C-alpha cells in the first residue's frame, strides 16, 4: 500500500532523491540555501506527487474497456477498407505493447516514438508505417474525447518517417488493355473489364448487383448506382445478377496482381498494373471523351467535385 505522507517514502532509492534534490537547488535558486535534509524532503514530496499522478492514470486506465472502445472507434470509420486497415494497425500496436510490457492506453510520447522506430525497422514501406501512425493517433484522439486521463502520445511526434518521392503513375494504354483482357478468364476477366470500363473500385465488386442494364453497389460504405455499357454487360452476363457475390475484394485484387506480374515478366505489358490503375485508365479516357468533370465525379463515386479535380490533377490530365 502506498503511504500518504512524503516522510514515509524511505524505500525510494537514495541516489535518485539526492539527484532530484540537487536539480531542485540548481533550478530554484531561492531554495539553494536550504539544508540538505530539507531539500531531500522536498525531493521526496515531488516524487510522491508524481507517483500519485501515475497511480491515478493507472486506476482510470483500468476502468477503460479497451476492446469495447476499439470496436466503437472502428465503427466510426466511413469505409470497411479503412476500418480493416485501422484494425490491423492497432493490432500491431497491441503486439508491440505486449512485447514491451506496456499498457496501451497509458502510453507516453516516448513509447509512441519507440513503437514507430520499431515498425520502421521492420522494412515495411513508409506509407504503411505512416498509416499505422495515423490510425493509432486517431484512436487516441477518440479516447481523449471520452476519458479525461487519456492523452494522445502520437501527437507531435518527430519519429514519423518522411514521405518518399511519389512514384510515376503507370496507366495502361489501349495495347496493354487488350493484352490484359485477353489474358484473364472467367470472373477475374469480368472484374477487369468492369473496373476499366466503369471505374468501379475493386472493393465495390462483391456487392455489385445488375438489373436491366443498371447497377448498384456499395463503395467506401456508400451506395452507388449507374448504367453499364453493353461491353461490360456482355462480360458480366454469364455470372448472373450478382456476378462477384462469391468473391472477396482481396481475392480479386490478388488474382489481378498475379496476372499482371505474369504479363509484365513475359513482356506483354509495360508495368505491373493494379486494380486502381484500371480505375485510373477509366478516369483518363472518360474525361478526355467529353471533359465533363461533374459526370465523371458521379461515375467515380466521389463525394464532391473537389476530390475529382485533385484526382485528375494527380493523373496529370487537369491543369491547376
Protein backbone atom coordinates (compact mmCIF):
# COMPACT_ATOMS: atom_id res chain seq x y z
CA UNK A 1 0.00 0.00 0.00
CA UNK A 2 1.33 3.47 -0.91
CA UNK A 3 1.99 5.78 2.04
CA UNK A 4 0.16 9.08 2.17
CA UNK A 5 2.99 11.21 3.58
CA UNK A 6 6.24 12.11 1.84
CA UNK A 7 8.30 11.49 5.01
CA UNK A 8 7.38 7.80 4.81
CA UNK A 9 8.90 7.26 1.35
CA UNK A 10 12.00 5.66 2.82
CA UNK A 11 12.16 2.80 0.26
CA UNK A 12 12.94 5.28 -2.51
CA UNK A 13 16.45 4.97 -3.92
CA UNK A 14 18.66 7.47 -2.09
CA UNK A 15 20.69 8.30 -5.17
CA UNK A 16 17.52 9.28 -7.04
CA UNK A 17 16.40 11.52 -4.19
CA UNK A 18 19.85 13.16 -4.00
CA UNK A 19 19.85 13.78 -7.75
CA UNK A 20 16.40 15.36 -7.63
CA UNK A 21 17.41 17.47 -4.62
CA UNK A 22 20.46 18.82 -6.49
CA UNK A 23 18.32 19.59 -9.53
CA UNK A 24 15.81 21.47 -7.36
CA UNK A 25 18.62 23.53 -5.85
CA UNK A 26 20.01 24.29 -9.32
CA UNK A 27 16.69 25.22 -10.97
CA UNK A 28 15.20 27.04 -7.96
CA UNK A 29 17.96 29.35 -6.61
CA UNK A 30 15.63 30.57 -3.87
CA UNK A 31 15.83 27.06 -2.38
CA UNK A 32 19.56 26.56 -2.84
CA UNK A 33 20.39 27.69 0.72
CA UNK A 34 18.12 25.16 2.37
CA UNK A 35 19.79 22.41 4.42
CA UNK A 36 20.32 19.11 2.56
CA UNK A 37 17.72 17.29 4.64
CA UNK A 38 15.04 19.84 3.69
CA UNK A 39 15.99 19.60 0.01
CA UNK A 40 15.67 15.83 0.28
CA UNK A 41 12.28 16.26 1.94
CA UNK A 42 11.13 18.46 -0.98
CA UNK A 43 12.54 15.95 -3.48
CA UNK A 44 10.58 13.15 -1.80
CA UNK A 45 7.41 15.25 -2.00
CA UNK A 46 7.98 15.82 -5.73
CA UNK A 47 8.45 12.09 -6.31
CA UNK A 48 5.39 11.34 -4.20
CA UNK A 49 3.25 13.69 -6.31
CA UNK A 50 4.50 12.01 -9.47
CA UNK A 51 3.65 8.61 -8.03
CA UNK A 52 0.15 9.81 -7.16
CA UNK A 53 -0.36 11.14 -10.69
CA UNK A 54 0.92 7.90 -12.19
CA UNK A 55 -1.30 5.82 -9.92
CA UNK A 56 -4.35 7.93 -10.77
CA UNK A 57 -3.72 7.40 -14.50
CA UNK A 58 -3.33 3.66 -13.96
CA UNK A 59 -6.57 3.47 -11.97
CA UNK A 60 -8.52 5.42 -14.59
CA UNK A 61 -6.97 3.33 -17.38
CA UNK A 62 -8.06 0.15 -15.62
CA UNK A 63 -11.65 1.36 -15.91
CA UNK A 64 -11.40 1.66 -19.69
CA UNK A 65 -12.74 -1.31 -21.65
CA UNK A 66 -10.15 -1.22 -24.43
CA UNK A 67 -11.78 -3.86 -26.63
CA UNK A 68 -15.14 -2.13 -26.46
CA UNK A 69 -13.62 1.29 -27.16
CA UNK A 70 -11.70 -0.10 -30.14
CA UNK A 71 -14.82 -1.60 -31.71
CA UNK A 72 -16.77 1.62 -31.20
CA UNK A 73 -13.93 3.61 -32.76
CA UNK A 74 -13.71 1.32 -35.80
CA UNK A 75 -17.43 1.71 -36.40
CA UNK A 76 -16.94 5.47 -36.83
CA UNK A 77 -14.86 4.97 -39.99
CA UNK A 78 -16.66 5.59 -43.27
CA UNK A 79 -15.23 2.63 -45.14
CA UNK A 80 -14.86 -1.08 -44.42
CA UNK A 81 -11.40 -0.86 -46.01
CA UNK A 82 -10.35 1.97 -43.69
CA UNK A 83 -11.73 0.05 -40.72
CA UNK A 84 -9.73 -3.02 -41.73
CA UNK A 85 -6.52 -1.01 -42.14
CA UNK A 86 -7.07 0.71 -38.77
CA UNK A 87 -7.78 -2.61 -37.06
CA UNK A 88 -4.56 -4.10 -38.43
CA UNK A 89 -2.61 -1.02 -37.28
CA UNK A 90 -4.00 -1.28 -33.74
CA UNK A 91 -3.22 -4.99 -33.68
CA UNK A 92 0.41 -4.17 -34.49
CA UNK A 93 0.43 -1.64 -31.64
CA UNK A 94 -1.08 -4.27 -29.32
CA UNK A 95 1.65 -6.78 -30.25
CA UNK A 96 4.36 -4.18 -29.58
CA UNK A 97 2.80 -3.32 -26.20
CA UNK A 98 2.70 -6.97 -25.14
CA UNK A 99 6.31 -7.50 -26.21
CA UNK A 100 7.43 -4.44 -24.24
CA UNK A 101 5.15 -4.91 -21.22
CA UNK A 102 3.23 -1.70 -21.87
CA UNK A 103 -0.39 -0.81 -21.16
CA UNK A 104 -1.68 0.50 -24.49
CA UNK A 105 -4.00 3.15 -23.08
CA UNK A 106 -1.30 4.66 -20.83
CA UNK A 107 1.41 5.04 -23.47
CA UNK A 108 3.52 8.21 -23.26
CA UNK A 109 5.18 10.07 -26.15
CA UNK A 110 8.45 8.16 -25.68
CA UNK A 111 6.54 4.88 -26.05
CA UNK A 112 4.86 6.12 -29.21
CA UNK A 113 8.23 7.10 -30.69
CA UNK A 114 9.73 3.72 -29.76
CA UNK A 115 6.80 1.95 -31.45
CA UNK A 116 7.32 4.00 -34.61
CA UNK A 117 11.04 3.25 -34.67
CA UNK A 118 10.30 -0.45 -34.17
CA UNK A 119 7.81 -0.80 -37.04
CA UNK A 120 10.00 1.36 -39.29
CA UNK A 121 12.89 -1.05 -38.69
CA UNK A 122 10.78 -3.98 -39.91
CA UNK A 123 11.30 -2.95 -43.52
CA UNK A 124 7.68 -2.00 -44.21
CA UNK A 125 7.01 0.82 -46.64
CA UNK A 126 6.95 4.41 -45.43
CA UNK A 127 3.31 4.69 -46.49
CA UNK A 128 2.38 1.63 -44.39
CA UNK A 129 4.20 2.94 -41.32
CA UNK A 130 2.56 6.36 -41.69
CA UNK A 131 -0.84 4.66 -41.96
CA UNK A 132 -0.18 2.78 -38.70
CA UNK A 133 0.76 6.04 -37.00
CA UNK A 134 -2.32 7.85 -38.32
CA UNK A 135 -4.60 5.02 -37.20
CA UNK A 136 -3.05 4.89 -33.72
CA UNK A 137 -3.19 8.67 -33.37
CA UNK A 138 -6.82 8.76 -34.50
CA UNK A 139 -7.73 6.13 -31.92
CA UNK A 140 -6.05 8.04 -29.08
CA UNK A 141 -7.76 11.26 -30.16
CA UNK A 142 -11.04 9.33 -29.94
CA UNK A 143 -10.14 8.16 -26.42
CA UNK A 144 -9.16 11.69 -25.38
CA UNK A 145 -12.69 12.91 -26.00
CA UNK A 146 -14.14 10.09 -23.91
CA UNK A 147 -11.72 9.74 -20.99
CA UNK A 148 -10.14 12.72 -19.22
CA UNK A 149 -6.97 10.82 -18.24
CA UNK A 150 -6.01 9.91 -21.82
CA UNK A 151 -3.57 11.95 -23.89
CA UNK A 152 -2.60 11.20 -27.47
CA UNK A 153 1.10 10.17 -27.30
CA UNK A 154 1.44 10.24 -31.09
CA UNK A 155 0.54 13.92 -31.39
CA UNK A 156 3.55 15.97 -32.46
CA UNK A 157 5.88 13.00 -32.86
CA UNK A 158 9.04 13.57 -34.90
CA UNK A 159 9.63 9.85 -35.33
CA UNK A 160 7.13 9.71 -38.20
CA UNK A 161 9.11 8.75 -41.35
CA UNK A 162 9.12 11.29 -44.14
CA UNK A 163 7.14 10.61 -47.28
CA UNK A 164 9.09 9.05 -50.08
CA UNK A 165 9.14 10.58 -53.53
CA UNK A 166 5.91 9.91 -55.34
CA UNK A 167 6.20 7.16 -57.91
CA UNK A 168 5.42 7.93 -61.55
CA UNK A 169 1.94 6.69 -62.36
CA UNK A 170 1.77 3.74 -64.71
CA UNK A 171 -1.51 3.63 -66.61
CA UNK A 172 -2.33 1.04 -69.29
CA UNK A 173 -2.65 2.18 -72.88
CA UNK A 174 -5.07 0.53 -75.31
CA UNK A 175 -2.47 -2.03 -76.40
CA UNK A 176 -1.82 -3.05 -72.80
CA UNK A 177 -5.54 -3.22 -72.04
CA UNK A 178 -6.09 -5.51 -74.99
CA UNK A 179 -3.36 -7.87 -73.75
CA UNK A 180 -4.73 -7.75 -70.20
CA UNK A 181 -8.31 -8.58 -71.22
CA UNK A 182 -7.11 -11.41 -73.49
CA UNK A 183 -5.08 -12.93 -70.66
CA UNK A 184 -7.66 -13.09 -67.87
CA UNK A 185 -10.51 -15.60 -67.79
CA UNK A 186 -13.82 -16.05 -66.00
CA UNK A 187 -14.89 -13.71 -63.21
CA UNK A 188 -11.44 -12.09 -62.97
CA UNK A 189 -11.68 -11.07 -66.64
CA UNK A 190 -15.17 -9.68 -65.98
CA UNK A 191 -13.80 -7.77 -62.97
CA UNK A 192 -11.01 -6.24 -65.05
CA UNK A 193 -13.45 -5.17 -67.77
CA UNK A 194 -15.79 -3.67 -65.17
CA UNK A 195 -13.08 -1.71 -63.36
CA UNK A 196 -11.51 -0.42 -66.57
CA UNK A 197 -14.86 0.23 -68.27
CA UNK A 198 -16.89 1.70 -65.40
CA UNK A 199 -14.23 2.93 -62.98
CA UNK A 200 -15.57 0.90 -60.06
CA UNK A 201 -13.29 0.25 -57.11
CA UNK A 202 -12.35 -3.37 -56.52
CA UNK A 203 -13.95 -3.06 -53.08
CA UNK A 204 -17.33 -2.41 -54.73
CA UNK A 205 -17.37 -5.57 -56.84
CA UNK A 206 -18.57 -8.15 -54.26
CA UNK A 207 -21.71 -6.04 -53.67
CA UNK A 208 -22.34 -5.35 -57.39
CA UNK A 209 -25.92 -6.12 -58.49
CA UNK A 210 -27.16 -5.88 -62.09
CA UNK A 211 -30.78 -5.17 -63.05
CA UNK A 212 -31.90 -4.25 -66.57
CA UNK A 213 -28.53 -2.84 -67.55
CA UNK A 214 -28.21 -0.75 -64.40
CA UNK A 215 -26.01 -1.48 -61.45
CA UNK A 216 -25.96 -0.82 -57.73
CA UNK A 217 -23.08 -1.41 -55.33
CA UNK A 218 -21.57 -0.25 -52.07
CA UNK A 219 -18.29 1.61 -52.34
CA UNK A 220 -16.46 3.04 -49.32
CA UNK A 221 -19.58 2.47 -47.23
CA UNK A 222 -21.87 4.40 -49.60
CA UNK A 223 -24.46 3.28 -52.14
CA UNK A 224 -23.60 3.90 -55.77
CA UNK A 225 -25.61 3.25 -58.91
CA UNK A 226 -25.28 3.80 -62.61
CA UNK A 227 -25.56 2.37 -66.11
CA UNK A 228 -23.14 -0.16 -67.58
CA UNK A 229 -22.01 -0.29 -71.19
CA UNK A 230 -23.04 -3.18 -73.48
CA UNK A 231 -19.43 -4.44 -73.40
CA UNK A 232 -19.44 -4.72 -69.63
CA UNK A 233 -22.91 -6.26 -69.53
CA UNK A 234 -21.81 -8.91 -72.05
CA UNK A 235 -18.83 -9.83 -69.86
CA UNK A 236 -20.99 -9.99 -66.72
CA UNK A 237 -24.00 -11.83 -68.17
CA UNK A 238 -22.65 -15.41 -67.65
CA UNK A 239 -22.06 -14.60 -63.97
CA UNK A 240 -25.65 -13.63 -63.13
CA UNK A 241 -27.26 -10.67 -61.41
CA UNK A 242 -24.66 -10.66 -58.62
CA UNK A 243 -21.52 -11.55 -60.59
CA UNK A 244 -18.95 -11.35 -57.77
CA UNK A 245 -21.02 -12.39 -54.76
CA UNK A 246 -18.80 -15.43 -54.15
CA UNK A 247 -15.56 -13.46 -54.32
CA UNK A 248 -13.85 -11.01 -51.99
CA UNK A 249 -12.23 -7.73 -52.96
CA UNK A 250 -8.90 -9.02 -51.67
CA UNK A 251 -9.21 -12.21 -53.70
CA UNK A 252 -9.96 -10.31 -56.89
CA UNK A 253 -7.06 -7.92 -56.25
CA UNK A 254 -4.66 -10.84 -55.69
CA UNK A 255 -5.79 -12.57 -58.91
CA UNK A 256 -5.27 -9.34 -60.86
CA UNK A 257 -1.86 -8.78 -59.25
CA UNK A 258 -0.69 -12.30 -60.12
CA UNK A 259 -1.85 -11.98 -63.72
CA UNK A 260 -0.32 -8.53 -64.17
CA UNK A 261 3.01 -9.81 -62.82
CA UNK A 262 2.98 -12.68 -65.31
CA UNK A 263 2.11 -10.38 -68.22
CA UNK A 264 4.82 -7.89 -67.25
CA UNK A 265 7.55 -10.50 -66.74
CA UNK A 266 6.78 -12.08 -70.11
CA UNK A 267 6.91 -8.69 -71.84
CA UNK A 268 3.26 -8.35 -72.84
CA UNK A 269 2.60 -5.15 -70.84
CA UNK A 270 4.76 -2.19 -69.75
CA UNK A 271 4.13 -2.33 -65.99
CA UNK A 272 2.62 -4.41 -63.18
CA UNK A 273 -0.73 -2.62 -63.12
CA UNK A 274 -3.02 -2.75 -60.11
CA UNK A 275 -6.80 -2.67 -59.80
CA UNK A 276 -6.56 1.04 -59.02
CA UNK A 277 -4.59 1.60 -62.22
CA UNK A 278 -7.60 0.22 -64.10
CA UNK A 279 -9.71 2.88 -62.38
CA UNK A 280 -7.14 5.46 -63.50
CA UNK A 281 -7.46 4.12 -67.04
CA UNK A 282 -11.22 4.67 -66.92
CA UNK A 283 -10.93 8.18 -65.44
CA UNK A 284 -8.50 9.36 -68.11
CA UNK A 285 -10.45 8.01 -71.08
CA UNK A 286 -13.81 9.12 -69.71
CA UNK A 287 -12.61 12.66 -69.01
CA UNK A 288 -10.88 13.01 -72.36
CA UNK A 289 -14.01 11.85 -74.20
CA UNK A 290 -16.26 14.73 -73.12
CA UNK A 291 -14.36 16.82 -70.47
CA UNK A 292 -17.44 16.58 -68.21
CA UNK A 293 -15.86 16.55 -64.77
CA UNK A 294 -19.24 16.62 -62.99
CA UNK A 295 -20.46 13.46 -64.71
CA UNK A 296 -17.10 11.81 -64.08
CA UNK A 297 -17.24 12.70 -60.39
CA UNK A 298 -20.58 10.90 -60.08
CA UNK A 299 -19.38 7.87 -62.02
CA UNK A 300 -16.25 7.58 -59.84
CA UNK A 301 -18.35 7.77 -56.70
CA UNK A 302 -16.58 10.86 -55.36
CA UNK A 303 -18.40 12.78 -52.64
CA UNK A 304 -17.69 16.17 -54.25
CA UNK A 305 -16.18 17.77 -57.33
CA UNK A 306 -13.05 18.92 -55.49
CA UNK A 307 -11.99 15.33 -54.97
CA UNK A 308 -12.36 14.64 -58.69
CA UNK A 309 -10.34 17.74 -59.55
CA UNK A 310 -7.50 16.60 -57.29
CA UNK A 311 -7.81 13.08 -58.73
CA UNK A 312 -7.40 14.33 -62.28
CA UNK A 313 -4.51 16.62 -61.31
CA UNK A 314 -2.81 13.60 -59.84
CA UNK A 315 -3.20 11.86 -63.18
CA UNK A 316 -1.66 14.93 -64.90
CA UNK A 317 -4.66 15.46 -67.15
CA UNK A 318 -6.12 18.52 -65.42
CA UNK A 319 -4.22 21.77 -65.18
CA UNK A 320 -4.11 23.86 -61.98
